N, C-alpha and C. Protein backbone atom coordinates (compact mmCIF):
# COMPACT_ATOMS: atom_id res chain seq x y z
N MET A 1 -15.54 -50.12 -70.18
CA MET A 1 -15.27 -49.34 -68.97
C MET A 1 -15.54 -47.98 -69.53
N GLU A 2 -16.42 -47.07 -68.96
CA GLU A 2 -16.56 -45.70 -69.21
C GLU A 2 -15.93 -45.14 -67.98
N ILE A 3 -14.67 -44.21 -68.31
CA ILE A 3 -14.63 -43.25 -67.28
C ILE A 3 -14.67 -41.67 -67.35
N THR A 4 -15.49 -41.32 -66.45
CA THR A 4 -15.31 -39.84 -66.34
C THR A 4 -14.56 -38.95 -65.09
N ILE A 5 -13.78 -37.96 -65.27
CA ILE A 5 -13.11 -37.38 -64.38
C ILE A 5 -13.62 -36.19 -64.19
N SER A 6 -13.94 -35.67 -63.23
CA SER A 6 -14.38 -34.04 -62.89
C SER A 6 -13.64 -33.91 -61.48
N GLN A 7 -13.41 -32.23 -61.32
CA GLN A 7 -13.06 -32.19 -60.19
C GLN A 7 -14.33 -30.97 -59.40
N VAL A 8 -14.22 -31.38 -57.90
CA VAL A 8 -15.31 -30.09 -56.84
C VAL A 8 -13.93 -29.73 -56.13
N GLN A 9 -14.68 -28.95 -55.17
CA GLN A 9 -14.32 -28.00 -54.63
C GLN A 9 -15.10 -28.44 -53.01
N GLY A 10 -14.36 -29.42 -51.96
CA GLY A 10 -15.10 -29.50 -51.12
C GLY A 10 -13.94 -28.26 -49.88
N ARG A 11 -13.90 -29.42 -49.01
CA ARG A 11 -12.37 -28.27 -48.06
C ARG A 11 -11.39 -28.35 -48.40
N VAL A 12 -11.03 -29.31 -49.62
CA VAL A 12 -9.73 -29.66 -50.34
C VAL A 12 -10.55 -30.14 -51.96
N PRO A 13 -9.50 -29.85 -52.49
CA PRO A 13 -10.11 -29.99 -54.27
C PRO A 13 -10.02 -31.36 -54.40
N ILE A 14 -10.94 -31.87 -55.07
CA ILE A 14 -11.26 -33.67 -54.74
C ILE A 14 -11.27 -33.81 -56.75
N THR A 15 -10.88 -34.88 -56.80
CA THR A 15 -10.90 -35.56 -58.11
C THR A 15 -12.16 -36.50 -58.42
N ILE A 16 -12.93 -36.91 -58.99
CA ILE A 16 -13.88 -37.51 -59.08
C ILE A 16 -13.65 -38.70 -60.14
N MET A 17 -14.00 -39.87 -60.20
CA MET A 17 -13.48 -40.99 -61.02
C MET A 17 -14.81 -41.55 -61.14
N ARG A 18 -16.06 -41.19 -62.05
CA ARG A 18 -17.21 -42.10 -62.62
C ARG A 18 -16.48 -43.25 -63.13
N LEU A 19 -16.52 -44.52 -62.74
CA LEU A 19 -17.04 -45.20 -63.60
C LEU A 19 -18.58 -45.92 -63.94
N LYS A 20 -18.33 -46.89 -65.38
CA LYS A 20 -19.31 -47.42 -65.74
C LYS A 20 -18.83 -48.31 -66.53
N GLY A 21 -19.04 -49.92 -66.02
CA GLY A 21 -18.71 -51.00 -66.83
C GLY A 21 -18.26 -51.88 -65.91
N ASP A 22 -17.88 -52.96 -66.56
CA ASP A 22 -17.00 -54.16 -65.69
C ASP A 22 -15.86 -53.55 -65.14
N PHE A 23 -15.28 -53.33 -63.97
CA PHE A 23 -13.67 -53.48 -63.92
C PHE A 23 -13.27 -54.64 -63.49
N ASP A 24 -12.59 -55.12 -64.60
CA ASP A 24 -11.84 -56.30 -64.90
C ASP A 24 -10.68 -56.13 -65.41
N TYR A 25 -10.05 -57.18 -66.11
CA TYR A 25 -8.71 -56.96 -67.21
C TYR A 25 -8.96 -56.32 -68.04
N MET A 26 -9.97 -56.03 -68.87
CA MET A 26 -10.19 -55.50 -69.98
C MET A 26 -10.37 -54.15 -69.62
N SER A 27 -10.66 -53.68 -68.61
CA SER A 27 -11.19 -52.43 -67.98
C SER A 27 -9.26 -51.48 -67.20
N VAL A 28 -8.86 -52.77 -66.91
CA VAL A 28 -7.83 -51.77 -65.56
C VAL A 28 -6.90 -51.18 -66.25
N ASP A 29 -6.39 -51.42 -67.41
CA ASP A 29 -5.22 -50.37 -67.68
C ASP A 29 -5.92 -48.94 -67.94
N ASP A 30 -7.30 -48.93 -68.41
CA ASP A 30 -7.65 -47.40 -68.66
C ASP A 30 -7.52 -47.37 -66.90
N PHE A 31 -8.12 -47.72 -66.44
CA PHE A 31 -8.32 -47.05 -65.17
C PHE A 31 -7.23 -46.43 -64.45
N ASP A 32 -5.82 -46.98 -64.55
CA ASP A 32 -4.80 -47.21 -64.09
C ASP A 32 -4.27 -45.95 -64.86
N ARG A 33 -4.23 -45.51 -65.85
CA ARG A 33 -3.88 -44.80 -66.94
C ARG A 33 -4.73 -43.58 -66.43
N GLU A 34 -6.08 -43.50 -66.44
CA GLU A 34 -6.67 -42.43 -65.73
C GLU A 34 -6.38 -41.90 -64.49
N ALA A 35 -6.10 -43.02 -63.90
CA ALA A 35 -5.67 -42.07 -62.51
C ALA A 35 -4.29 -41.93 -62.28
N LYS A 36 -3.73 -42.03 -63.48
CA LYS A 36 -2.28 -41.66 -63.29
C LYS A 36 -1.98 -40.46 -63.69
N ASN A 37 -2.46 -39.77 -64.99
CA ASN A 37 -2.96 -38.97 -65.41
C ASN A 37 -3.76 -37.65 -64.72
N ALA A 38 -4.51 -38.07 -63.61
CA ALA A 38 -5.25 -37.20 -62.89
C ALA A 38 -3.90 -37.04 -61.76
N LEU A 39 -3.75 -37.95 -61.32
CA LEU A 39 -2.11 -37.58 -60.31
C LEU A 39 -0.94 -36.87 -60.91
N GLU A 40 -0.89 -36.87 -62.27
CA GLU A 40 0.11 -35.74 -62.41
C GLU A 40 -0.34 -34.66 -63.05
N LYS A 41 -1.57 -34.75 -63.05
CA LYS A 41 -2.03 -32.77 -62.97
C LYS A 41 -2.27 -32.52 -61.68
N GLY A 42 -1.95 -33.10 -60.64
CA GLY A 42 -1.84 -32.67 -59.50
C GLY A 42 -2.83 -32.99 -58.30
N GLY A 43 -3.78 -33.98 -58.89
CA GLY A 43 -4.92 -34.30 -57.68
C GLY A 43 -4.24 -35.54 -56.66
N THR A 44 -4.96 -35.06 -55.56
CA THR A 44 -4.14 -35.89 -54.49
C THR A 44 -5.28 -36.62 -53.68
N ASN A 45 -7.05 -36.17 -54.00
CA ASN A 45 -7.72 -36.83 -53.18
C ASN A 45 -8.63 -37.09 -54.33
N PHE A 46 -9.34 -38.66 -54.32
CA PHE A 46 -10.06 -39.50 -55.08
C PHE A 46 -11.50 -39.56 -54.74
N LEU A 47 -12.08 -39.45 -54.93
CA LEU A 47 -13.75 -40.37 -54.91
C LEU A 47 -13.77 -40.79 -56.14
N ILE A 48 -13.88 -42.45 -55.96
CA ILE A 48 -14.03 -43.18 -57.10
C ILE A 48 -15.61 -43.77 -57.06
N ASP A 49 -16.38 -42.88 -57.79
CA ASP A 49 -17.95 -43.12 -58.07
C ASP A 49 -17.95 -44.73 -58.45
N MET A 50 -18.68 -45.58 -58.08
CA MET A 50 -18.59 -47.05 -58.54
C MET A 50 -19.91 -47.51 -58.58
N ALA A 51 -21.35 -46.28 -58.48
CA ALA A 51 -22.23 -46.85 -58.92
C ALA A 51 -22.50 -47.48 -59.95
N GLY A 52 -21.39 -47.18 -61.61
CA GLY A 52 -22.10 -48.07 -62.44
C GLY A 52 -21.39 -49.36 -62.57
N VAL A 53 -20.57 -50.00 -61.78
CA VAL A 53 -19.93 -50.85 -61.67
C VAL A 53 -20.33 -52.25 -61.51
N PRO A 54 -20.90 -52.73 -62.36
CA PRO A 54 -21.82 -54.25 -62.12
C PRO A 54 -20.94 -55.30 -61.78
N PHE A 55 -19.66 -55.20 -61.90
CA PHE A 55 -18.42 -56.54 -61.47
C PHE A 55 -17.38 -55.78 -61.67
N MET A 56 -16.72 -56.24 -60.49
CA MET A 56 -15.18 -56.07 -60.30
C MET A 56 -14.02 -57.67 -60.25
N SER A 57 -13.77 -57.75 -60.57
CA SER A 57 -12.32 -58.61 -60.72
C SER A 57 -11.67 -58.76 -59.97
N SER A 58 -10.67 -59.28 -59.57
CA SER A 58 -9.87 -58.89 -58.55
C SER A 58 -8.57 -57.81 -58.97
N VAL A 59 -8.81 -57.77 -59.81
CA VAL A 59 -7.43 -57.09 -60.90
C VAL A 59 -7.82 -55.21 -60.32
N GLY A 60 -9.46 -55.18 -60.65
CA GLY A 60 -9.76 -53.78 -60.07
C GLY A 60 -9.49 -53.38 -58.45
N ILE A 61 -9.46 -54.54 -57.86
CA ILE A 61 -9.24 -54.09 -56.51
C ILE A 61 -7.95 -53.97 -56.65
N ARG A 62 -6.76 -54.57 -56.87
CA ARG A 62 -5.63 -54.34 -56.84
C ARG A 62 -5.46 -53.09 -57.61
N SER A 63 -6.22 -52.37 -58.42
CA SER A 63 -5.53 -51.17 -59.21
C SER A 63 -6.32 -50.38 -58.02
N ILE A 64 -7.29 -50.43 -57.04
CA ILE A 64 -7.85 -49.61 -56.42
C ILE A 64 -6.70 -49.35 -55.09
N TYR A 65 -6.42 -50.74 -54.74
CA TYR A 65 -5.30 -50.67 -53.64
C TYR A 65 -3.74 -49.90 -54.28
N HIS A 66 -3.51 -50.02 -55.59
CA HIS A 66 -2.28 -49.17 -56.56
C HIS A 66 -2.69 -47.68 -56.09
N LEU A 67 -3.63 -47.46 -56.71
CA LEU A 67 -3.89 -46.12 -56.36
C LEU A 67 -3.96 -45.53 -54.79
N TYR A 68 -4.31 -46.47 -53.70
CA TYR A 68 -4.14 -46.18 -52.55
C TYR A 68 -2.39 -45.68 -51.90
N ASP A 69 -2.18 -47.00 -52.67
CA ASP A 69 -0.15 -46.66 -52.49
C ASP A 69 0.69 -45.35 -52.95
N LEU A 70 -0.37 -45.05 -53.76
CA LEU A 70 0.44 -43.86 -54.86
C LEU A 70 -0.35 -42.77 -53.97
N LEU A 71 -1.33 -42.47 -53.57
CA LEU A 71 -1.79 -41.27 -52.58
C LEU A 71 -1.72 -41.25 -51.16
N HIS A 72 -0.80 -42.57 -50.72
CA HIS A 72 -0.58 -42.73 -49.09
C HIS A 72 0.90 -42.99 -49.03
N PRO A 73 2.01 -42.13 -49.43
CA PRO A 73 3.55 -42.84 -49.14
C PRO A 73 3.99 -42.99 -48.11
N ALA A 74 4.53 -44.30 -47.71
CA ALA A 74 4.89 -44.89 -46.85
C ALA A 74 5.79 -44.18 -46.32
N ALA A 75 5.42 -43.92 -44.85
CA ALA A 75 6.89 -43.23 -44.11
C ALA A 75 7.00 -43.92 -42.65
N THR A 76 7.88 -44.51 -42.17
CA THR A 76 8.25 -45.34 -41.14
C THR A 76 7.57 -45.21 -40.32
N GLU A 77 7.46 -43.89 -39.26
CA GLU A 77 6.46 -43.93 -38.05
C GLU A 77 5.01 -43.77 -38.23
N GLU A 78 4.96 -43.27 -39.65
CA GLU A 78 3.47 -42.95 -40.23
C GLU A 78 2.92 -44.33 -40.41
N THR A 79 3.91 -45.10 -40.70
CA THR A 79 3.29 -46.25 -41.31
C THR A 79 3.36 -47.39 -40.59
N LYS A 80 3.97 -47.59 -39.26
CA LYS A 80 3.27 -48.20 -38.12
C LYS A 80 1.97 -47.75 -37.01
N ALA A 81 1.88 -46.50 -37.56
CA ALA A 81 0.21 -45.88 -36.76
C ALA A 81 -0.41 -46.44 -37.46
N ILE A 82 -0.39 -46.21 -38.89
CA ILE A 82 -1.37 -46.38 -39.57
C ILE A 82 -2.00 -48.16 -39.73
N HIS A 83 -0.56 -48.69 -39.89
CA HIS A 83 -0.69 -50.27 -39.23
C HIS A 83 -1.54 -50.53 -38.13
N LYS A 84 -1.38 -49.66 -36.88
CA LYS A 84 -1.97 -49.77 -35.82
C LYS A 84 -3.66 -49.51 -35.74
N GLY A 85 -3.89 -48.14 -36.52
CA GLY A 85 -4.90 -48.06 -36.57
C GLY A 85 -5.73 -49.09 -37.36
N VAL A 86 -5.51 -49.45 -38.64
CA VAL A 86 -6.00 -50.41 -38.98
C VAL A 86 -6.85 -51.63 -38.57
N LEU A 87 -5.66 -52.12 -37.61
CA LEU A 87 -5.97 -53.27 -36.84
C LEU A 87 -6.94 -52.94 -35.73
N ALA A 88 -7.12 -51.77 -35.41
CA ALA A 88 -7.78 -51.51 -34.59
C ALA A 88 -9.00 -50.85 -34.89
N GLY A 89 -9.21 -50.46 -36.34
CA GLY A 89 -10.31 -50.33 -36.72
C GLY A 89 -10.70 -48.44 -36.79
N THR A 90 -9.63 -47.81 -36.75
CA THR A 90 -9.45 -46.75 -36.58
C THR A 90 -9.35 -45.38 -37.65
N TYR A 91 -8.15 -46.06 -38.40
CA TYR A 91 -7.93 -45.64 -39.59
C TYR A 91 -8.61 -45.52 -40.99
N LYS A 92 -8.70 -44.28 -41.48
CA LYS A 92 -9.24 -44.50 -42.68
C LYS A 92 -8.85 -43.52 -43.60
N ALA A 93 -8.01 -43.96 -45.14
CA ALA A 93 -7.48 -42.90 -45.90
C ALA A 93 -8.10 -41.97 -46.26
N PRO A 94 -7.05 -40.92 -45.91
CA PRO A 94 -7.43 -39.48 -46.02
C PRO A 94 -7.87 -39.06 -47.55
N HIS A 95 -7.24 -39.69 -48.41
CA HIS A 95 -7.25 -39.31 -49.67
C HIS A 95 -7.66 -39.92 -50.58
N LEU A 96 -8.56 -41.34 -50.13
CA LEU A 96 -9.10 -42.09 -51.09
C LEU A 96 -10.54 -42.67 -50.18
N LYS A 97 -11.48 -42.47 -51.20
CA LYS A 97 -13.02 -42.84 -50.76
C LYS A 97 -13.64 -42.90 -52.11
N LEU A 98 -14.66 -44.32 -51.77
CA LEU A 98 -15.18 -44.89 -52.66
C LEU A 98 -16.84 -44.55 -52.63
N LEU A 99 -17.12 -44.48 -53.15
CA LEU A 99 -19.03 -44.16 -53.49
C LEU A 99 -19.45 -45.13 -53.87
N SER A 100 -20.72 -45.58 -53.77
CA SER A 100 -21.89 -46.22 -54.14
C SER A 100 -21.54 -47.67 -55.12
N PRO A 101 -20.89 -48.54 -54.43
CA PRO A 101 -20.68 -49.72 -54.93
C PRO A 101 -21.48 -50.61 -54.94
N PRO A 102 -22.15 -51.29 -55.92
CA PRO A 102 -23.34 -52.19 -56.09
C PRO A 102 -22.87 -52.88 -54.93
N LYS A 103 -24.15 -53.82 -54.39
CA LYS A 103 -23.86 -54.90 -53.36
C LYS A 103 -23.05 -56.06 -53.57
N ARG A 104 -23.01 -56.81 -55.12
CA ARG A 104 -21.85 -57.29 -55.54
C ARG A 104 -20.25 -57.09 -55.46
N VAL A 105 -20.15 -55.61 -55.74
CA VAL A 105 -19.07 -55.25 -55.98
C VAL A 105 -18.58 -54.88 -54.21
N LEU A 106 -19.35 -54.38 -53.42
CA LEU A 106 -19.46 -54.23 -52.24
C LEU A 106 -19.01 -55.18 -51.19
N ASP A 107 -19.50 -56.27 -51.76
CA ASP A 107 -19.00 -57.78 -51.21
C ASP A 107 -18.05 -58.46 -51.17
N SER A 108 -17.31 -57.77 -52.88
CA SER A 108 -16.18 -58.30 -52.97
C SER A 108 -14.97 -57.17 -52.31
N LEU A 109 -15.14 -55.93 -51.92
CA LEU A 109 -14.32 -55.02 -51.64
C LEU A 109 -14.22 -55.19 -49.87
N LYS A 110 -15.58 -55.60 -49.12
CA LYS A 110 -15.21 -56.14 -47.73
C LYS A 110 -14.62 -57.38 -47.96
N PHE A 111 -14.86 -58.52 -48.82
CA PHE A 111 -14.25 -59.81 -48.49
C PHE A 111 -12.34 -59.65 -48.52
N VAL A 112 -11.65 -58.72 -49.39
CA VAL A 112 -10.39 -58.07 -49.04
C VAL A 112 -10.60 -57.17 -47.96
N SER A 113 -11.20 -56.58 -47.52
CA SER A 113 -10.95 -55.69 -46.32
C SER A 113 -10.55 -54.50 -46.67
N LEU A 114 -10.72 -54.07 -47.87
CA LEU A 114 -10.70 -52.85 -48.04
C LEU A 114 -11.83 -51.47 -47.37
N ASP A 115 -12.48 -52.44 -46.80
CA ASP A 115 -13.57 -51.22 -46.02
C ASP A 115 -13.13 -50.57 -44.90
N THR A 116 -11.98 -51.71 -44.24
CA THR A 116 -11.47 -51.18 -42.95
C THR A 116 -10.39 -50.20 -43.34
N TYR A 117 -10.01 -49.88 -44.17
CA TYR A 117 -9.16 -48.70 -44.37
C TYR A 117 -9.25 -47.51 -45.65
N ILE A 118 -10.28 -47.47 -46.11
CA ILE A 118 -10.70 -46.69 -46.86
C ILE A 118 -12.52 -47.18 -46.63
N ASP A 119 -12.57 -45.37 -46.61
CA ASP A 119 -14.49 -45.05 -46.64
C ASP A 119 -15.10 -45.83 -47.97
N ILE A 120 -16.16 -46.13 -47.65
CA ILE A 120 -17.27 -46.42 -48.98
C ILE A 120 -18.30 -45.88 -48.18
N LEU A 121 -19.00 -44.97 -49.08
CA LEU A 121 -19.98 -44.22 -48.68
C LEU A 121 -21.40 -44.33 -49.81
N ASP A 122 -22.02 -43.97 -49.38
CA ASP A 122 -23.60 -43.39 -51.01
C ASP A 122 -24.32 -42.82 -50.97
N ASN A 123 -23.52 -41.64 -50.34
CA ASN A 123 -23.65 -40.31 -50.75
C ASN A 123 -22.64 -39.35 -50.96
N GLU A 124 -23.19 -38.53 -52.16
CA GLU A 124 -21.63 -37.94 -52.91
C GLU A 124 -21.53 -36.75 -51.86
N GLN A 125 -22.28 -35.98 -51.49
CA GLN A 125 -22.24 -34.87 -50.53
C GLN A 125 -21.54 -35.43 -49.32
N GLU A 126 -21.61 -36.32 -48.96
CA GLU A 126 -21.20 -36.85 -47.66
C GLU A 126 -20.15 -37.53 -48.10
N ALA A 127 -19.57 -37.98 -49.27
CA ALA A 127 -18.56 -38.47 -49.35
C ALA A 127 -17.56 -37.24 -49.61
N ILE A 128 -17.95 -36.58 -50.23
CA ILE A 128 -17.37 -35.17 -50.16
C ILE A 128 -16.54 -34.33 -49.10
N ALA A 129 -17.88 -34.53 -48.15
CA ALA A 129 -17.28 -33.95 -46.86
C ALA A 129 -16.35 -34.44 -45.90
N ALA A 130 -16.11 -35.82 -46.32
CA ALA A 130 -15.19 -36.67 -45.36
C ALA A 130 -13.87 -36.40 -46.03
N PHE A 131 -13.72 -35.51 -46.79
CA PHE A 131 -12.14 -35.53 -46.75
C PHE A 131 -11.56 -34.61 -46.33
């Protein structure tokens, strides 16, 4: 998988990770490494552009969830509010958004309910404005 990282300025600085290729066991280490490097460089808001990802396996889903965890550390009262919001369908992750996954990938994300708490958008400008 090819990963291109760039920065844009919305209301807040946003790290855009553009992915091209299958997101599976062969590429997951690259994604994890690049995400970790971006976090270490101060990235706090991530937009993952998935338009170039024709296939994503369960390890790709796990890596996105792991990045979510790193960006949204658990705190007792906040965690309770988040859990309530996820169940009610009112919570969306403030620091992680997904952009333009192909239908096959989108179906996988929906199957594991990531769409219930991570915004999945089709328009880059709208995604940037969502932070």
